[in-house]
């Protein structure tokens, strides 16, 4: 197998691992009674942590054998893999709007990443700390905004965006630390490793909470899009990266970004749209009581409680004709 083909296989396996981790995280969030950032007592959650670690390792391995311009767009397939996997393993079917949004987000993100050309570069210590402080500030603002949002779906989307920012900055610091690391001084970059670990853990906790009340597709797509977009924005700003094909590539990147954003909107609206109400069951369609069951009054129907002892001139009694347990 050629190195390029091996890179493709590893990148696809990484996307599958990330999709599986997201499915497990959503199941853990759905079973929790309240929003949980770190359900440490849940074995399933630790399985999702392991799957995320496997996905990250496979992604790094794919970058070792193939170019960034190929591996990053393939990582955008996570949301496309997640929907059929959720339907197959946990019975979570996705509607047309969810599929349309997932495809739009994936195509837009893949196009955006394919237009980004990598450049060699590293961050100084001052730039790292400045960038880390600004990122933590942005995550804190998004976290506060999520706490203030009333609707659970919007709150989940904002938390997922905060998780994507954390993961994106972890990716940037990983690239910087990897370029500066040498076997002769393995602990020379310990500060960078500490900061990127903090961002990775923060992203994991925020992404776990984002699945509460919003399903699978919308939070996963938000994290999948925001993560590389933040990394690409930092690359363009600090590493001298640019879009291919000059002005035409920049315009195409803007179009791809708009398509990806439209996909996120579609996924959000899919979760915010209430399901159609089931038709009410008429009294004639209700099951009849068995012979051995005593008749019981139905909800919101009057019941004869008998005479009220004593004189109560201040008590007003309203008598209505009601059917009790199917009797006229």
C-alpha atoms as a PDB file:
ATOM      1  CA  UNK A   1       0.000   0.000   0.000  1.00  0.00           C
ATOM      2  CA  UNK A   2       1.352   3.400  -0.973  1.00  0.00           C
ATOM      3  CA  UNK A   3       1.867   6.044   1.729  1.00  0.00           C
ATOM      4  CA  UNK A   4      -0.881   8.209   0.190  1.00  0.00           C
ATOM      5  CA  UNK A   5      -3.414   5.370   0.253  1.00  0.00           C
ATOM      6  CA  UNK A   6      -2.417   4.500   3.824  1.00  0.00           C
ATOM      7  CA  UNK A   7      -3.003   8.120   4.789  1.00  0.00           C
ATOM      8  CA  UNK A   8      -6.507   7.986   3.304  1.00  0.00           C
ATOM      9  CA  UNK A   9      -7.342   4.751   5.153  1.00  0.00           C
ATOM     10  CA  UNK A  10      -6.078   6.158   8.460  1.00  0.00           C
ATOM     11  CA  UNK A  11      -7.999   9.412   7.976  1.00  0.00           C
ATOM     12  CA  UNK A  12     -11.240   7.538   7.248  1.00  0.00           C
ATOM     13  CA  UNK A  13     -10.687   5.285  10.271  1.00  0.00           C
ATOM     14  CA  UNK A  14     -10.131   8.403  12.379  1.00  0.00           C
ATOM     15  CA  UNK A  15     -13.437   9.866  11.198  1.00  0.00           C
ATOM     16  CA  UNK A  16     -15.238   6.613  12.066  1.00  0.00           C
ATOM     17  CA  UNK A  17     -13.687   6.601  15.555  1.00  0.00           C
ATOM     18  CA  UNK A  18     -14.725  10.197  16.147  1.00  0.00           C
ATOM     19  CA  UNK A  19     -18.254   9.407  14.934  1.00  0.00           C
ATOM     20  CA  UNK A  20     -18.514   6.417  17.270  1.00  0.00           C
ATOM     21  CA  UNK A  21     -17.287   8.533  20.183  1.00  0.00           C
ATOM     22  CA  UNK A  22     -19.909  11.177  19.438  1.00  0.00           C
ATOM     23  CA  UNK A  23     -22.687   8.567  19.344  1.00  0.00           C
ATOM     24  CA  UNK A  24     -21.640   7.214  22.739  1.00  0.00           C
ATOM     25  CA  UNK A  25     -21.386  10.725  24.178  1.00  0.00           C
ATOM     26  CA  UNK A  26     -24.882  11.577  22.948  1.00  0.00           C
ATOM     27  CA  UNK A  27     -26.288   8.390  24.498  1.00  0.00           C
ATOM     28  CA  UNK A  28     -24.630   9.203  27.818  1.00  0.00           C
ATOM     29  CA  UNK A  29     -25.994  12.756  27.706  1.00  0.00           C
ATOM     30  CA  UNK A  30     -29.504  11.548  26.851  1.00  0.00           C
ATOM     31  CA  UNK A  31     -29.541   9.175  29.824  1.00  0.00           C
ATOM     32  CA  UNK A  32     -28.343  11.795  32.313  1.00  0.00           C
ATOM     33  CA  UNK A  33     -30.924  13.576  34.452  1.00  0.00           C
ATOM     34  CA  UNK A  34     -29.141  16.921  34.223  1.00  0.00           C
ATOM     35  CA  UNK A  35     -26.453  18.482  32.008  1.00  0.00           C
ATOM     36  CA  UNK A  36     -23.207  16.708  32.849  1.00  0.00           C
ATOM     37  CA  UNK A  37     -19.759  17.847  31.788  1.00  0.00           C
ATOM     38  CA  UNK A  38     -17.845  14.866  33.150  1.00  0.00           C
ATOM     39  CA  UNK A  39     -19.953  11.794  33.993  1.00  0.00           C
ATOM     40  CA  UNK A  40     -16.982  10.054  35.577  1.00  0.00           C
ATOM     41  CA  UNK A  41     -19.067   7.205  36.960  1.00  0.00           C
ATOM     42  CA  UNK A  42     -20.354   6.203  33.536  1.00  0.00           C
ATOM     43  CA  UNK A  43     -18.298   3.425  31.899  1.00  0.00           C
ATOM     44  CA  UNK A  44     -19.779   4.383  28.527  1.00  0.00           C
ATOM     45  CA  UNK A  45     -18.337   7.872  28.848  1.00  0.00           C
ATOM     46  CA  UNK A  46     -14.864   6.458  29.360  1.00  0.00           C
ATOM     47  CA  UNK A  47     -15.405   4.404  26.226  1.00  0.00           C
ATOM     48  CA  UNK A  48     -16.113   7.638  24.349  1.00  0.00           C
ATOM     49  CA  UNK A  49     -12.932   9.161  25.783  1.00  0.00           C
ATOM     50  CA  UNK A  50     -10.983   6.141  24.537  1.00  0.00           C
ATOM     51  CA  UNK A  51     -12.567   6.409  21.094  1.00  0.00           C
ATOM     52  CA  UNK A  52     -11.676  10.101  20.911  1.00  0.00           C
ATOM     53  CA  UNK A  53      -8.101   9.210  21.778  1.00  0.00           C
ATOM     54  CA  UNK A  54      -8.046   6.558  19.056  1.00  0.00           C
ATOM     55  CA  UNK A  55      -9.450   9.042  16.546  1.00  0.00           C
ATOM     56  CA  UNK A  56      -6.811  11.634  17.424  1.00  0.00           C
ATOM     57  CA  UNK A  57      -3.992   9.054  17.169  1.00  0.00           C
ATOM     58  CA  UNK A  58      -5.208   7.869  13.773  1.00  0.00           C
ATOM     59  CA  UNK A  59      -5.470  11.472  12.584  1.00  0.00           C
ATOM     60  CA  UNK A  60      -1.869  12.184  13.598  1.00  0.00           C
ATOM     61  CA  UNK A  61      -0.746   8.970  11.911  1.00  0.00           C
ATOM     62  CA  UNK A  62      -2.587   9.965   8.741  1.00  0.00           C
ATOM     63  CA  UNK A  63      -0.750  13.304   8.740  1.00  0.00           C
ATOM     64  CA  UNK A  64       2.545  11.418   8.983  1.00  0.00           C
ATOM     65  CA  UNK A  65       1.861   9.623   5.697  1.00  0.00           C
ATOM     66  CA  UNK A  66      -0.152  12.184   3.737  1.00  0.00           C
ATOM     67  CA  UNK A  67      -0.437  15.938   3.188  1.00  0.00           C
ATOM     68  CA  UNK A  68      -2.594  18.162   5.378  1.00  0.00           C
ATOM     69  CA  UNK A  69      -4.642  19.217   2.333  1.00  0.00           C
ATOM     70  CA  UNK A  70      -5.841  15.605   1.961  1.00  0.00           C
ATOM     71  CA  UNK A  71      -6.209  14.493   5.585  1.00  0.00           C
ATOM     72  CA  UNK A  72      -8.130  17.500   6.908  1.00  0.00           C
ATOM     73  CA  UNK A  73     -10.985  17.359   4.351  1.00  0.00           C
ATOM     74  CA  UNK A  74     -11.405  13.627   4.983  1.00  0.00           C
ATOM     75  CA  UNK A  75     -11.842  14.398   8.679  1.00  0.00           C
ATOM     76  CA  UNK A  76     -14.931  16.391   7.767  1.00  0.00           C
ATOM     77  CA  UNK A  77     -16.673  13.101   6.938  1.00  0.00           C
ATOM     78  CA  UNK A  78     -17.235  12.449  10.644  1.00  0.00           C
ATOM     79  CA  UNK A  79     -20.782  13.810  10.599  1.00  0.00           C
ATOM     80  CA  UNK A  80     -21.639  11.834   7.446  1.00  0.00           C
ATOM     81  CA  UNK A  81     -20.447   8.614   9.081  1.00  0.00           C
ATOM     82  CA  UNK A  82     -22.209   9.413  12.361  1.00  0.00           C
ATOM     83  CA  UNK A  83     -25.761   9.565  10.975  1.00  0.00           C
ATOM     84  CA  UNK A  84     -25.944   6.046   9.443  1.00  0.00           C
ATOM     85  CA  UNK A  85     -23.963   4.608  12.348  1.00  0.00           C
ATOM     86  CA  UNK A  86     -26.459   6.085  14.809  1.00  0.00           C
ATOM     87  CA  UNK A  87     -29.355   4.662  12.801  1.00  0.00           C
ATOM     88  CA  UNK A  88     -27.697   1.245  12.648  1.00  0.00           C
ATOM     89  CA  UNK A  89     -26.497   0.836  16.227  1.00  0.00           C
ATOM     90  CA  UNK A  90     -28.867   2.905  18.375  1.00  0.00           C
ATOM     91  CA  UNK A  91     -31.930   3.237  16.139  1.00  0.00           C
ATOM     92  CA  UNK A  92     -31.628   7.045  15.823  1.00  0.00           C
ATOM     93  CA  UNK A  93     -33.011   7.869  12.374  1.00  0.00           C
ATOM     94  CA  UNK A  94     -32.218  11.209  10.738  1.00  0.00           C
ATOM     95  CA  UNK A  95     -34.717  13.179   8.682  1.00  0.00           C
ATOM     96  CA  UNK A  96     -34.206  14.797   5.313  1.00  0.00           C
ATOM     97  CA  UNK A  97     -33.343  18.185   6.789  1.00  0.00           C
ATOM     98  CA  UNK A  98     -30.693  16.614   9.053  1.00  0.00           C
ATOM     99  CA  UNK A  99     -29.129  14.776   6.115  1.00  0.00           C
ATOM    100  CA  UNK A 100     -29.233  17.907   3.969  1.00  0.00           C
ATOM    101  CA  UNK A 101     -27.569  19.945   6.715  1.00  0.00           C
ATOM    102  CA  UNK A 102     -24.930  17.289   7.351  1.00  0.00           C
ATOM    103  CA  UNK A 103     -24.026  17.061   3.666  1.00  0.00           C
ATOM    104  CA  UNK A 104     -23.901  20.853   3.312  1.00  0.00           C
ATOM    105  CA  UNK A 105     -21.645  21.179   6.352  1.00  0.00           C
ATOM    106  CA  UNK A 106     -19.357  18.391   5.152  1.00  0.00           C
ATOM    107  CA  UNK A 107     -19.065  19.619   1.558  1.00  0.00           C
ATOM    108  CA  UNK A 108     -18.520  23.220   2.627  1.00  0.00           C
ATOM    109  CA  UNK A 109     -15.904  22.301   5.206  1.00  0.00           C
ATOM    110  CA  UNK A 110     -14.089  19.880   2.898  1.00  0.00           C
ATOM    111  CA  UNK A 111     -13.958  22.525   0.177  1.00  0.00           C
ATOM    112  CA  UNK A 112     -12.691  25.144   2.618  1.00  0.00           C
ATOM    113  CA  UNK A 113      -9.930  22.900   3.923  1.00  0.00           C
ATOM    114  CA  UNK A 114      -8.902  21.769   0.455  1.00  0.00           C
ATOM    115  CA  UNK A 115      -8.327  25.402  -0.506  1.00  0.00           C
ATOM    116  CA  UNK A 116      -6.003  26.058   2.433  1.00  0.00           C
ATOM    117  CA  UNK A 117      -2.306  25.685   1.706  1.00  0.00           C
ATOM    118  CA  UNK A 118      -0.045  24.842   4.625  1.00  0.00           C
ATOM    119  CA  UNK A 119       3.054  26.777   5.551  1.00  0.00           C
ATOM    120  CA  UNK A 120       5.904  25.994   7.906  1.00  0.00           C
ATOM    121  CA  UNK A 121       6.077  28.091  11.037  1.00  0.00           C
ATOM    122  CA  UNK A 122       6.137  28.058  14.807  1.00  0.00           C
ATOM    123  CA  UNK A 123       4.970  30.190  17.686  1.00  0.00           C
ATOM    124  CA  UNK A 124       7.201  31.928  20.171  1.00  0.00           C
ATOM    125  CA  UNK A 125       6.507  31.533  23.890  1.00  0.00           C
ATOM    126  CA  UNK A 126       4.953  34.999  24.044  1.00  0.00           C
ATOM    127  CA  UNK A 127       2.681  34.275  21.083  1.00  0.00           C
ATOM    128  CA  UNK A 128       1.605  30.953  22.618  1.00  0.00           C
ATOM    129  CA  UNK A 129       0.591  32.493  25.925  1.00  0.00           C
ATOM    130  CA  UNK A 130      -1.143  35.415  24.231  1.00  0.00           C
ATOM    131  CA  UNK A 131      -3.040  33.067  21.941  1.00  0.00           C
ATOM    132  CA  UNK A 132      -3.909  30.735  24.810  1.00  0.00           C
ATOM    133  CA  UNK A 133      -5.224  33.601  26.922  1.00  0.00           C
ATOM    134  CA  UNK A 134      -7.348  34.957  24.074  1.00  0.00           C
ATOM    135  CA  UNK A 135      -8.738  31.484  23.369  1.00  0.00           C
ATOM    136  CA  UNK A 136      -9.613  30.801  26.988  1.00  0.00           C
ATOM    137  CA  UNK A 137     -11.347  34.195  27.055  1.00  0.00           C
ATOM    138  CA  UNK A 138     -13.376  33.331  23.953  1.00  0.00           C
ATOM    139  CA  UNK A 139     -14.332  29.947  25.433  1.00  0.00           C
ATOM    140  CA  UNK A 140     -15.382  31.650  28.679  1.00  0.00           C
ATOM    141  CA  UNK A 141     -17.588  34.105  26.773  1.00  0.00           C
ATOM    142  CA  UNK A 142     -19.253  31.301  24.834  1.00  0.00           C
ATOM    143  CA  UNK A 143     -19.738  29.275  28.023  1.00  0.00           C
ATOM    144  CA  UNK A 144     -21.381  32.254  29.745  1.00  0.00           C
ATOM    145  CA  UNK A 145     -23.598  32.844  26.719  1.00  0.00           C
ATOM    146  CA  UNK A 146     -24.646  29.195  26.790  1.00  0.00           C
ATOM    147  CA  UNK A 147     -25.653  29.531  30.436  1.00  0.00           C
ATOM    148  CA  UNK A 148     -27.833  32.516  29.565  1.00  0.00           C
ATOM    149  CA  UNK A 149     -29.580  30.925  26.582  1.00  0.00           C
ATOM    150  CA  UNK A 150     -32.997  29.545  27.470  1.00  0.00           C
ATOM    151  CA  UNK A 151     -33.578  27.022  24.704  1.00  0.00           C
ATOM    152  CA  UNK A 152     -31.704  23.771  25.099  1.00  0.00           C
ATOM    153  CA  UNK A 153     -30.878  23.417  21.396  1.00  0.00           C
ATOM    154  CA  UNK A 154     -29.278  26.849  21.133  1.00  0.00           C
ATOM    155  CA  UNK A 155     -27.454  26.298  24.409  1.00  0.00           C
ATOM    156  CA  UNK A 156     -26.038  23.041  23.035  1.00  0.00           C
ATOM    157  CA  UNK A 157     -24.914  24.722  19.813  1.00  0.00           C
ATOM    158  CA  UNK A 158     -23.076  27.446  21.737  1.00  0.00           C
ATOM    159  CA  UNK A 159     -21.395  24.841  23.956  1.00  0.00           C
ATOM    160  CA  UNK A 160     -20.399  22.876  20.850  1.00  0.00           C
ATOM    161  CA  UNK A 161     -18.927  26.042  19.340  1.00  0.00           C
ATOM    162  CA  UNK A 162     -16.887  26.562  22.516  1.00  0.00           C
ATOM    163  CA  UNK A 163     -15.713  22.952  22.291  1.00  0.00           C
ATOM    164  CA  UNK A 164     -14.723  23.487  18.657  1.00  0.00           C
ATOM    165  CA  UNK A 165     -12.678  26.561  19.604  1.00  0.00           C
ATOM    166  CA  UNK A 166     -10.862  24.544  22.292  1.00  0.00           C
ATOM    167  CA  UNK A 167     -10.165  21.651  19.928  1.00  0.00           C
ATOM    168  CA  UNK A 168      -9.024  24.017  17.186  1.00  0.00           C
ATOM    169  CA  UNK A 169      -6.521  25.713  19.457  1.00  0.00           C
ATOM    170  CA  UNK A 170      -5.299  22.317  20.671  1.00  0.00           C
ATOM    171  CA  UNK A 171      -4.636  21.436  17.023  1.00  0.00           C
ATOM    172  CA  UNK A 172      -2.670  24.639  16.511  1.00  0.00           C
ATOM    173  CA  UNK A 173      -0.546  24.050  19.602  1.00  0.00           C
ATOM    174  CA  UNK A 174      -0.012  20.415  18.603  1.00  0.00           C
ATOM    175  CA  UNK A 175       1.443  21.551  15.296  1.00  0.00           C
ATOM    176  CA  UNK A 176       3.664  24.110  16.994  1.00  0.00           C
ATOM    177  CA  UNK A 177       4.899  21.709  19.681  1.00  0.00           C
ATOM    178  CA  UNK A 178       5.504  18.924  17.143  1.00  0.00           C
ATOM    179  CA  UNK A 179       7.718  21.191  15.042  1.00  0.00           C
ATOM    180  CA  UNK A 180       9.767  22.322  18.062  1.00  0.00           C
ATOM    181  CA  UNK A 181      10.089  18.901  19.757  1.00  0.00           C
ATOM    182  CA  UNK A 182      13.377  17.035  19.540  1.00  0.00           C
ATOM    183  CA  UNK A 183      14.351  13.616  20.988  1.00  0.00           C
ATOM    184  CA  UNK A 184      17.363  15.173  22.714  1.00  0.00           C
ATOM    185  CA  UNK A 185      15.128  17.423  24.840  1.00  0.00           C
ATOM    186  CA  UNK A 186      11.758  15.667  25.139  1.00  0.00           C
ATOM    187  CA  UNK A 187      10.546  17.878  28.001  1.00  0.00           C
ATOM    188  CA  UNK A 188      11.622  21.198  26.537  1.00  0.00           C
ATOM    189  CA  UNK A 189       8.074  21.850  25.294  1.00  0.00           C
ATOM    190  CA  UNK A 190       6.324  20.906  28.537  1.00  0.00           C
ATOM    191  CA  UNK A 191       4.494  24.238  28.787  1.00  0.00           C
ATOM    192  CA  UNK A 192       3.012  23.824  25.313  1.00  0.00           C
ATOM    193  CA  UNK A 193       2.025  20.239  26.106  1.00  0.00           C
ATOM    194  CA  UNK A 194       0.326  21.405  29.309  1.00  0.00           C
ATOM    195  CA  UNK A 195      -1.664  24.121  27.563  1.00  0.00           C
ATOM    196  CA  UNK A 196      -2.757  21.954  24.637  1.00  0.00           C
ATOM    197  CA  UNK A 197      -3.802  19.222  27.099  1.00  0.00           C
ATOM    198  CA  UNK A 198      -5.918  21.787  28.938  1.00  0.00           C
ATOM    199  CA  UNK A 199      -7.592  22.791  25.678  1.00  0.00           C
ATOM    200  CA  UNK A 200      -8.196  19.157  24.706  1.00  0.00           C
ATOM    201  CA  UNK A 201      -9.798  18.329  28.065  1.00  0.00           C
ATOM    202  CA  UNK A 202     -11.889  21.510  27.982  1.00  0.00           C
ATOM    203  CA  UNK A 203     -13.131  20.664  24.504  1.00  0.00           C
ATOM    204  CA  UNK A 204     -14.016  17.130  25.564  1.00  0.00           C
ATOM    205  CA  UNK A 205     -16.032  18.295  28.586  1.00  0.00           C
ATOM    206  CA  UNK A 206     -17.861  21.002  26.644  1.00  0.00           C
ATOM    207  CA  UNK A 207     -18.683  18.644  23.794  1.00  0.00           C
ATOM    208  CA  UNK A 208     -20.124  16.133  26.267  1.00  0.00           C
ATOM    209  CA  UNK A 209     -22.448  18.768  27.718  1.00  0.00           C
ATOM    210  CA  UNK A 210     -23.439  19.998  24.244  1.00  0.00           C
ATOM    211  CA  UNK A 211     -25.234  16.727  23.417  1.00  0.00           C
ATOM    212  CA  UNK A 212     -27.764  17.229  26.211  1.00  0.00           C
ATOM    213  CA  UNK A 213     -31.120  18.146  24.643  1.00  0.00           C
ATOM    214  CA  UNK A 214     -29.858  18.649  21.091  1.00  0.00           C
ATOM    215  CA  UNK A 215     -29.411  15.157  19.707  1.00  0.00           C
ATOM    216  CA  UNK A 216     -26.353  14.042  17.769  1.00  0.00           C
ATOM    217  CA  UNK A 217     -26.103  15.817  14.422  1.00  0.00           C
ATOM    218  CA  UNK A 218     -26.203  19.520  15.327  1.00  0.00           C
ATOM    219  CA  UNK A 219     -23.551  19.542  18.114  1.00  0.00           C
ATOM    220  CA  UNK A 220     -21.278  17.133  16.230  1.00  0.00           C
ATOM    221  CA  UNK A 221     -21.466  19.187  13.045  1.00  0.00           C
ATOM    222  CA  UNK A 222     -20.752  22.382  14.984  1.00  0.00           C
ATOM    223  CA  UNK A 223     -17.636  20.919  16.608  1.00  0.00           C
ATOM    224  CA  UNK A 224     -16.519  19.383  13.309  1.00  0.00           C
ATOM    225  CA  UNK A 225     -16.804  22.714  11.469  1.00  0.00           C
ATOM    226  CA  UNK A 226     -15.580  25.136  14.137  1.00  0.00           C
ATOM    227  CA  UNK A 227     -12.497  23.091  15.035  1.00  0.00           C
ATOM    228  CA  UNK A 228     -10.670  23.262  11.674  1.00  0.00           C
ATOM    229  CA  UNK A 229     -12.012  26.742  10.899  1.00  0.00           C
ATOM    230  CA  UNK A 230     -10.393  28.110  14.068  1.00  0.00           C
ATOM    231  CA  UNK A 231      -7.167  26.250  13.286  1.00  0.00           C
ATOM    232  CA  UNK A 232      -7.187  27.573   9.704  1.00  0.00           C
ATOM    233  CA  UNK A 233      -7.862  31.138  10.905  1.00  0.00           C
ATOM    234  CA  UNK A 234      -4.869  30.972  13.234  1.00  0.00           C
ATOM    235  CA  UNK A 235      -2.772  29.449  10.461  1.00  0.00           C
ATOM    236  CA  UNK A 236      -3.649  32.245   8.058  1.00  0.00           C
ATOM    237  CA  UNK A 237      -3.022  34.900  10.707  1.00  0.00           C
ATOM    238  CA  UNK A 238       0.160  33.640  12.396  1.00  0.00           C
ATOM    239  CA  UNK A 239       1.697  30.931  10.209  1.00  0.00           C
ATOM    240  CA  UNK A 240       1.416  32.722   6.882  1.00  0.00           C
ATOM    241  CA  UNK A 241      -0.961  30.168   5.400  1.00  0.00           C
ATOM    242  CA  UNK A 242      -3.173  31.296   2.534  1.00  0.00           C
ATOM    243  CA  UNK A 243      -5.838  30.058   0.171  1.00  0.00           C
ATOM    244  CA  UNK A 244      -4.847  28.478  -3.102  1.00  0.00           C
ATOM    245  CA  UNK A 245      -5.473  30.154  -6.483  1.00  0.00           C
ATOM    246  CA  UNK A 246      -5.223  33.715  -5.180  1.00  0.00           C
ATOM    247  CA  UNK A 247      -8.336  35.872  -5.233  1.00  0.00           C
ATOM    248  CA  UNK A 248     -10.417  33.144  -6.895  1.00  0.00           C
ATOM    249  CA  UNK A 249      -9.476  30.733  -4.105  1.00  0.00           C
ATOM    250  CA  UNK A 250     -10.437  33.293  -1.470  1.00  0.00           C
ATOM    251  CA  UNK A 251     -13.861  33.761  -3.059  1.00  0.00           C
ATOM    252  CA  UNK A 252     -14.322  30.003  -3.304  1.00  0.00           C
ATOM    253  CA  UNK A 253     -13.350  29.653   0.368  1.00  0.00           C
ATOM    254  CA  UNK A 254     -15.976  32.227   1.345  1.00  0.00           C
ATOM    255  CA  UNK A 255     -18.581  30.304  -0.639  1.00  0.00           C
ATOM    256  CA  UNK A 256     -17.579  27.045   1.028  1.00  0.00           C
ATOM    257  CA  UNK A 257     -17.762  28.681   4.430  1.00  0.00           C
ATOM    258  CA  UNK A 258     -21.247  29.949   3.638  1.00  0.00           C
ATOM    259  CA  UNK A 259     -22.357  26.468   2.583  1.00  0.00           C
ATOM    260  CA  UNK A 260     -20.969  24.966   5.796  1.00  0.00           C
ATOM    261  CA  UNK A 261     -22.705  27.621   7.889  1.00  0.00           C
ATOM    262  CA  UNK A 262     -25.958  26.934   6.036  1.00  0.00           C
ATOM    263  CA  UNK A 263     -25.618  23.265   6.906  1.00  0.00           C
ATOM    264  CA  UNK A 264     -25.270  24.123  10.576  1.00  0.00           C
ATOM    265  CA  UNK A 265     -28.387  26.279  10.381  1.00  0.00           C
ATOM    266  CA  UNK A 266     -30.299  23.406   8.791  1.00  0.00           C
ATOM    267  CA  UNK A 267     -29.222  21.025  11.542  1.00  0.00           C
ATOM    268  CA  UNK A 268     -30.155  23.523  14.247  1.00  0.00           C
ATOM    269  CA  UNK A 269     -33.588  24.168  12.750  1.00  0.00           C
ATOM    270  CA  UNK A 270     -34.123  20.428  12.450  1.00  0.00           C
ATOM    271  CA  UNK A 271     -33.760  20.076  16.226  1.00  0.00           C
ATOM    272  CA  UNK A 272     -35.781  23.223  17.017  1.00  0.00           C
ATOM    273  CA  UNK A 273     -38.777  22.213  14.883  1.00  0.00           C
ATOM    274  CA  UNK A 274     -41.323  20.485  17.129  1.00  0.00           C
ATOM    275  CA  UNK A 275     -42.449  17.030  15.998  1.00  0.00           C
ATOM    276  CA  UNK A 276     -45.987  16.720  14.614  1.00  0.00           C
ATOM    277  CA  UNK A 277     -48.546  16.034  17.300  1.00  0.00           C
ATOM    278  CA  UNK A 278     -50.140  12.640  17.294  1.00  0.00           C
ATOM    279  CA  UNK A 279     -53.872  12.657  16.595  1.00  0.00           C
ATOM    280  CA  UNK A 280     -56.022  12.517  19.700  1.00  0.00           C
ATOM    281  CA  UNK A 281     -57.832   9.283  20.452  1.00  0.00           C
ATOM    282  CA  UNK A 282     -61.588   9.570  20.599  1.00  0.00           C
ATOM    283  CA  UNK A 283     -63.580   8.037  23.424  1.00  0.00           C
ATOM    284  CA  UNK A 284     -65.078   5.495  21.041  1.00  0.00           C
ATOM    285  CA  UNK A 285     -61.577   4.250  20.157  1.00  0.00           C
ATOM    286  CA  UNK A 286     -60.519   3.896  23.782  1.00  0.00           C
ATOM    287  CA  UNK A 287     -60.251   0.353  25.058  1.00  0.00           C
ATOM    288  CA  UNK A 288     -63.223  -0.808  27.065  1.00  0.00           C
ATOM    289  CA  UNK A 289     -62.815  -1.837  30.675  1.00  0.00           C
ATOM    290  CA  UNK A 290     -62.767  -5.543  31.355  1.00  0.00           C
ATOM    291  CA  UNK A 291     -65.565  -7.232  33.267  1.00  0.00           C
ATOM    292  CA  UNK A 292     -63.403  -7.699  36.334  1.00  0.00           C
ATOM    293  CA  UNK A 293     -62.327  -4.014  36.478  1.00  0.00           C
ATOM    294  CA  UNK A 294     -64.431  -1.527  38.357  1.00  0.00           C
ATOM    295  CA  UNK A 295     -65.292   1.577  36.364  1.00  0.00           C
ATOM    296  CA  UNK A 296     -63.006   4.525  37.053  1.00  0.00           C
ATOM    297  CA  UNK A 297     -63.633   8.174  36.309  1.00  0.00           C
ATOM    298  CA  UNK A 298     -61.591   9.624  33.502  1.00  0.00           C
ATOM    299  CA  UNK A 299     -59.264  12.574  33.953  1.00  0.00           C
ATOM    300  CA  UNK A 300     -60.882  16.042  34.103  1.00  0.00           C
ATOM    301  CA  UNK A 301     -64.397  14.599  34.514  1.00  0.00           C
ATOM    302  CA  UNK A 302     -66.800  15.236  37.376  1.00  0.00           C
ATOM    303  CA  UNK A 303     -67.313  12.707  40.151  1.00  0.00           C
ATOM    304  CA  UNK A 304     -70.291  12.548  42.496  1.00  0.00           C
ATOM    305  CA  UNK A 305     -68.880  12.938  45.999  1.00  0.00           C
ATOM    306  CA  UNK A 306     -72.255  12.789  47.761  1.00  0.00           C
ATOM    307  CA  UNK A 307     -73.955  15.275  50.026  1.00  0.00           C
ATOM    308  CA  UNK A 308     -71.921  17.879  51.886  1.00  0.00           C
ATOM    309  CA  UNK A 309     -72.861  17.887  55.603  1.00  0.00           C
ATOM    310  CA  UNK A 310     -73.800  21.139  57.305  1.00  0.00           C
ATOM    311  CA  UNK A 311     -74.820  24.474  55.876  1.00  0.00           C
ATOM    312  CA  UNK A 312     -72.328  26.328  53.697  1.00  0.00           C
ATOM    313  CA  UNK A 313     -73.978  29.504  52.362  1.00  0.00           C
ATOM    314  CA  UNK A 314     -70.629  30.675  50.949  1.00  0.00           C
ATOM    315  CA  UNK A 315     -70.127  27.505  48.908  1.00  0.00           C
ATOM    316  CA  UNK A 316     -71.200  27.580  45.316  1.00  0.00           C
ATOM    317  CA  UNK A 317     -71.755  24.273  43.614  1.00  0.00           C
ATOM    318  CA  UNK A 318     -71.778  23.946  39.866  1.00  0.00           C
ATOM    319  CA  UNK A 319     -73.550  20.863  38.560  1.00  0.00           C
ATOM    320  CA  UNK A 320     -72.777  19.613  35.104  1.00  0.00           C
ATOM    321  CA  UNK A 321     -73.666  16.515  33.181  1.00  0.00           C
ATOM    322  CA  UNK A 322     -70.497  14.484  32.733  1.00  0.00           C
ATOM    323  CA  UNK A 323     -69.775  10.999  31.514  1.00  0.00           C
ATOM    324  CA  UNK A 324     -67.875   8.823  33.936  1.00  0.00           C
ATOM    325  CA  UNK A 325     -65.938   5.813  32.665  1.00  0.00           C
ATOM    326  CA  UNK A 326     -67.995   5.653  29.497  1.00  0.00           C
ATOM    327  CA  UNK A 327     -71.376   5.818  31.268  1.00  0.00           C
ATOM    328  CA  UNK A 328     -73.848   8.479  30.272  1.00  0.00           C
END
